[in-house]
Amino acid sequence: MRNCFEAEGYRVSEAASGDDLFTLVQSTHIDLITLDLTLGMESGLEIARKLRAELEIPIIMVTGKGDLIDRVVGLELGADDYIAKPFHLREMLARVRTVLRRTQGARRASVTPLSESEARFRFDEWELNLTKRDLRAPDGTPCHLTTAEFDLLAVFIKRPGHVLSREAIMDQLKGHDWAANDRAIDSQISRLRKRLGGDAESLIKTIRGVGYSFSVKVSKIST
């Protein structure tokens, strides 16, 4: 794979473990990660979960397993694509190019604190300021959210269009005491929808059997 991509002009870095990978992404600009789910003593899915909790680097999962569940879980965690071994190198190259075009190398800047200008977003005529924890309705009036409701909205704002499982949402909501087998997330989403009013179910869509998706366009507000 390295030879193939370098021959096409890509710069390739390698990591032999999860720790090596996290060291690499903190010290090197990475546009995309190909992540093998079968890593001996480590779980590729767990590494993907940790990556998604911190960064927005596109991930293509590489798996030799025929189990559909692993692929579904990986996609729920936020992987952008998957490819099953054995695969042709040209197919991997094509998938990488497709994901890079789609994501444009987007990554979440969670390592560096957001400035006020970087933390302001607009969606469906609503305005959200993550730094000031301020949400404004389309008419400019403030919408008061609980801490849990605001944090939940922030999760969706940072990942518009992605289908997030309940477990993935829980992972993002660090510091909240969620039980993995209950419906606390469902209740919070129901309350958040009521706060947003109108046709809020078109904003936060239920993907039956999978999770939820923030389905409207989100744009940053520049000052």
Protein backbone atom coordinates (compact mmCIF):
# COMPACT_ATOMS: atom_id res chain seq x y z
CA MET A 1 0.00 0.00 0.00
CA ARG A 2 2.78 2.42 0.89
CA ASN A 3 4.57 1.84 -2.41
CA CYS A 4 1.33 2.27 -4.33
CA PHE A 5 0.37 5.56 -2.68
CA GLU A 6 3.86 7.05 -2.77
CA ALA A 7 4.01 6.24 -6.48
CA GLU A 8 0.85 8.34 -6.85
CA GLY A 9 2.43 11.29 -5.02
CA TYR A 10 0.98 10.77 -1.54
CA ARG A 11 3.03 11.15 1.64
CA VAL A 12 2.51 8.04 3.75
CA SER A 13 3.13 7.55 7.48
CA GLU A 14 2.78 4.25 9.31
CA ALA A 15 1.76 3.39 12.87
CA ALA A 16 2.16 -0.08 14.37
CA SER A 17 -0.19 0.47 17.32
CA GLY A 18 -2.91 2.72 18.65
CA ASP A 19 -0.41 4.63 20.79
CA ASP A 20 1.83 5.17 17.76
CA LEU A 21 -1.15 6.43 15.78
CA PHE A 22 -2.21 8.98 18.41
CA THR A 23 1.38 10.22 18.69
CA LEU A 24 1.50 10.56 14.92
CA VAL A 25 -1.71 12.54 14.53
CA GLN A 26 -0.60 14.99 17.21
CA SER A 27 2.73 15.68 15.51
CA THR A 28 1.95 15.33 11.79
CA HIS A 29 -0.75 16.71 9.50
CA ILE A 30 -2.82 13.70 8.47
CA ASP A 31 -5.55 13.95 5.83
CA LEU A 32 -6.86 10.37 6.07
CA ILE A 33 -6.33 7.18 8.08
CA THR A 34 -6.67 3.60 6.85
CA LEU A 35 -7.32 1.57 9.99
CA ASP A 36 -7.16 -2.21 10.19
CA LEU A 37 -9.78 -3.59 12.56
CA THR A 38 -7.67 -6.69 13.29
CA LEU A 39 -4.68 -5.49 15.30
CA GLY A 40 -3.71 -8.43 17.49
CA MET A 41 -4.09 -7.32 21.11
CA GLU A 42 -5.81 -4.06 20.17
CA SER A 43 -9.28 -3.37 18.84
CA GLY A 44 -9.46 -1.29 15.69
CA LEU A 45 -13.02 -0.34 16.63
CA GLU A 46 -11.84 1.00 19.99
CA ILE A 47 -9.11 3.01 18.28
CA ALA A 48 -11.71 4.41 15.88
CA ARG A 49 -13.93 5.32 18.84
CA LYS A 50 -11.09 7.24 20.51
CA LEU A 51 -10.14 8.97 17.27
CA ARG A 52 -13.68 10.15 16.71
CA ALA A 53 -13.89 11.51 20.27
CA GLU A 54 -10.95 13.83 19.58
CA LEU A 55 -10.44 14.41 15.86
CA GLU A 56 -12.30 14.63 12.57
CA ILE A 57 -9.74 12.91 10.36
CA PRO A 58 -11.45 10.72 7.74
CA ILE A 59 -11.12 6.99 8.41
CA ILE A 60 -11.31 4.06 6.01
CA MET A 61 -11.64 0.77 7.88
CA VAL A 62 -9.75 -2.24 6.58
CA THR A 63 -11.15 -5.58 7.63
CA GLY A 64 -10.70 -9.22 6.76
CA LYS A 65 -13.87 -10.18 8.59
CA GLY A 66 -17.05 -11.03 6.76
CA ASP A 67 -19.13 -10.04 9.77
CA LEU A 68 -21.47 -7.23 8.75
CA ILE A 69 -21.83 -6.15 12.39
CA ASP A 70 -18.20 -4.99 12.60
CA ARG A 71 -18.65 -2.84 9.53
CA VAL A 72 -21.93 -1.37 10.77
CA VAL A 73 -20.44 -0.57 14.18
CA GLY A 74 -17.42 1.01 12.54
CA LEU A 75 -19.60 3.20 10.35
CA GLU A 76 -21.72 4.15 13.37
CA LEU A 77 -18.55 5.24 15.15
CA GLY A 78 -17.88 7.65 12.32
CA ALA A 79 -15.72 5.79 9.81
CA ASP A 80 -16.15 7.26 6.35
CA ASP A 81 -15.81 4.02 4.36
CA TYR A 82 -14.61 0.43 4.63
CA ILE A 83 -12.83 -2.07 2.43
CA ALA A 84 -12.60 -5.83 2.97
CA LYS A 85 -9.44 -7.88 2.52
CA PRO A 86 -8.30 -9.11 0.13
CA PHE A 87 -8.59 -5.99 -2.02
CA HIS A 88 -6.89 -4.62 -5.11
CA LEU A 89 -4.58 -1.66 -4.47
CA ARG A 90 -6.27 0.34 -7.20
CA GLU A 91 -9.59 -0.09 -5.40
CA MET A 92 -8.07 1.24 -2.18
CA LEU A 93 -6.58 4.16 -4.08
CA ALA A 94 -9.97 4.96 -5.61
CA ARG A 95 -11.69 4.82 -2.20
CA VAL A 96 -9.10 7.11 -0.64
CA ARG A 97 -9.52 9.65 -3.42
CA THR A 98 -13.30 9.52 -3.09
CA VAL A 99 -13.25 10.04 0.69
CA LEU A 100 -10.73 12.88 0.42
CA ARG A 101 -12.88 14.62 -2.17
CA ARG A 102 -15.97 14.20 -0.02
CA THR A 103 -14.46 15.30 3.26
CA GLN A 104 -11.88 17.75 1.89
CA GLY A 105 -9.57 16.64 4.67
CA ALA A 106 -11.92 18.03 7.32
CA ARG A 107 -10.81 17.57 10.88
CA ARG A 108 -12.19 18.68 14.23
CA ALA A 109 -9.98 21.24 15.95
CA SER A 110 -10.63 19.85 19.41
CA VAL A 111 -6.95 19.91 20.36
CA THR A 112 -6.84 23.73 20.07
CA PRO A 113 -9.50 25.79 21.90
CA LEU A 114 -11.95 27.42 19.52
CA SER A 115 -11.86 31.19 19.17
CA GLU A 116 -15.20 32.97 19.34
CA SER A 117 -15.28 33.40 15.55
CA GLU A 118 -14.55 29.69 15.01
CA ALA A 119 -17.20 28.65 17.51
CA ARG A 120 -20.20 30.34 15.90
CA PHE A 121 -22.51 28.31 13.68
CA ARG A 122 -25.75 28.78 11.78
CA PHE A 123 -28.30 26.07 11.03
CA ASP A 124 -31.82 26.50 9.70
CA GLU A 125 -31.64 30.24 10.63
CA TRP A 126 -30.64 29.41 14.22
CA GLU A 127 -27.31 30.70 15.56
CA LEU A 128 -25.13 28.86 18.07
CA ASN A 129 -22.07 30.17 19.89
CA LEU A 130 -20.18 27.28 21.49
CA THR A 131 -17.79 29.52 23.41
CA LYS A 132 -20.53 31.59 25.03
CA ARG A 133 -22.91 28.61 25.15
CA ASP A 134 -25.55 30.78 23.55
CA LEU A 135 -28.33 29.66 21.20
CA ARG A 136 -30.46 32.17 19.32
CA ALA A 137 -33.76 31.42 17.58
CA PRO A 138 -34.37 32.65 14.00
CA ASP A 139 -36.01 35.81 15.41
CA GLY A 140 -32.95 36.54 17.57
CA THR A 141 -34.43 35.60 20.93
CA PRO A 142 -32.27 33.46 23.25
CA CYS A 143 -33.19 29.80 23.64
CA HIS A 144 -32.24 28.53 27.08
CA LEU A 145 -30.96 24.95 27.15
CA THR A 146 -29.88 22.77 30.03
CA THR A 147 -26.22 21.78 30.13
CA ALA A 148 -27.04 18.31 28.81
CA GLU A 149 -29.25 19.68 26.01
CA PHE A 150 -26.60 22.17 24.91
CA ASP A 151 -23.84 19.55 24.91
CA LEU A 152 -26.05 17.23 22.91
CA LEU A 153 -26.75 19.94 20.31
CA ALA A 154 -22.99 20.65 20.10
CA VAL A 155 -22.36 16.99 19.24
CA PHE A 156 -24.76 17.20 16.30
CA ILE A 157 -23.48 20.62 15.16
CA LYS A 158 -19.93 19.28 14.87
CA ARG A 159 -21.02 16.29 12.80
CA PRO A 160 -23.88 17.34 10.52
CA GLY A 161 -25.15 14.67 8.17
CA HIS A 162 -23.48 11.83 10.07
CA VAL A 163 -25.57 8.99 11.45
CA LEU A 164 -24.65 8.65 15.12
CA SER A 165 -25.58 5.65 17.23
CA ARG A 166 -26.64 6.17 20.84
CA GLU A 167 -23.29 4.74 21.95
CA ALA A 168 -21.38 7.18 19.73
CA ILE A 169 -23.37 10.09 21.16
CA MET A 170 -22.69 8.89 24.70
CA ASP A 171 -18.98 8.73 23.95
CA GLN A 172 -19.05 12.35 22.82
CA LEU A 173 -20.93 13.48 25.93
CA LYS A 174 -18.04 13.03 28.32
CA GLY A 175 -18.84 13.84 31.91
CA HIS A 176 -22.47 12.79 31.66
CA ASP A 177 -23.63 9.72 33.52
CA TRP A 178 -25.30 7.71 30.76
CA ALA A 179 -26.31 4.07 31.04
CA ALA A 180 -25.58 2.24 27.79
CA ASN A 181 -28.70 0.11 28.00
CA ASP A 182 -31.24 2.82 28.76
CA ARG A 183 -33.05 5.43 26.70
CA ALA A 184 -31.62 8.55 28.34
CA ILE A 185 -30.30 9.77 25.00
CA ASP A 186 -33.75 9.35 23.45
CA SER A 187 -35.28 11.45 26.24
CA GLN A 188 -32.67 14.19 25.84
CA ILE A 189 -33.20 14.30 22.09
CA SER A 190 -36.95 14.53 22.60
CA ARG A 191 -36.46 17.47 24.97
CA LEU A 192 -34.01 19.15 22.59
CA ARG A 193 -36.49 18.82 19.74
CA LYS A 194 -39.14 20.56 21.87
CA ARG A 195 -36.72 23.40 22.60
CA LEU A 196 -36.04 23.88 18.91
CA GLY A 197 -39.77 23.80 18.18
CA GLY A 198 -41.35 23.82 14.75
CA ASP A 199 -40.49 20.81 12.62
CA ALA A 200 -37.62 19.81 14.90
CA GLU A 201 -37.83 16.17 13.84
CA SER A 202 -36.63 17.26 10.42
CA LEU A 203 -33.54 18.74 12.10
CA ILE A 204 -32.69 15.70 14.22
CA LYS A 205 -33.84 12.69 12.25
CA THR A 206 -34.36 9.27 13.74
CA ILE A 207 -32.60 6.59 11.69
CA ARG A 208 -34.58 3.54 12.68
CA GLY A 209 -32.47 0.76 14.13
CA VAL A 210 -29.28 2.83 13.95
CA GLY A 211 -29.43 6.19 15.73
CA TYR A 212 -29.84 9.86 14.88
CA SER A 213 -28.65 12.34 12.27
CA PHE A 214 -28.53 16.15 12.24
CA SER A 215 -29.90 16.56 8.75
CA VAL A 216 -29.66 20.29 8.00
CA LYS A 217 -26.76 22.29 6.64
CA VAL A 218 -24.44 23.77 9.26
CA SER A 219 -22.19 26.70 8.37
CA LYS A 220 -19.60 28.63 10.35
CA ILE A 221 -20.26 32.32 10.93
CA SER A 222 -17.21 34.44 10.20
CA THR A 223 -16.65 37.82 11.76
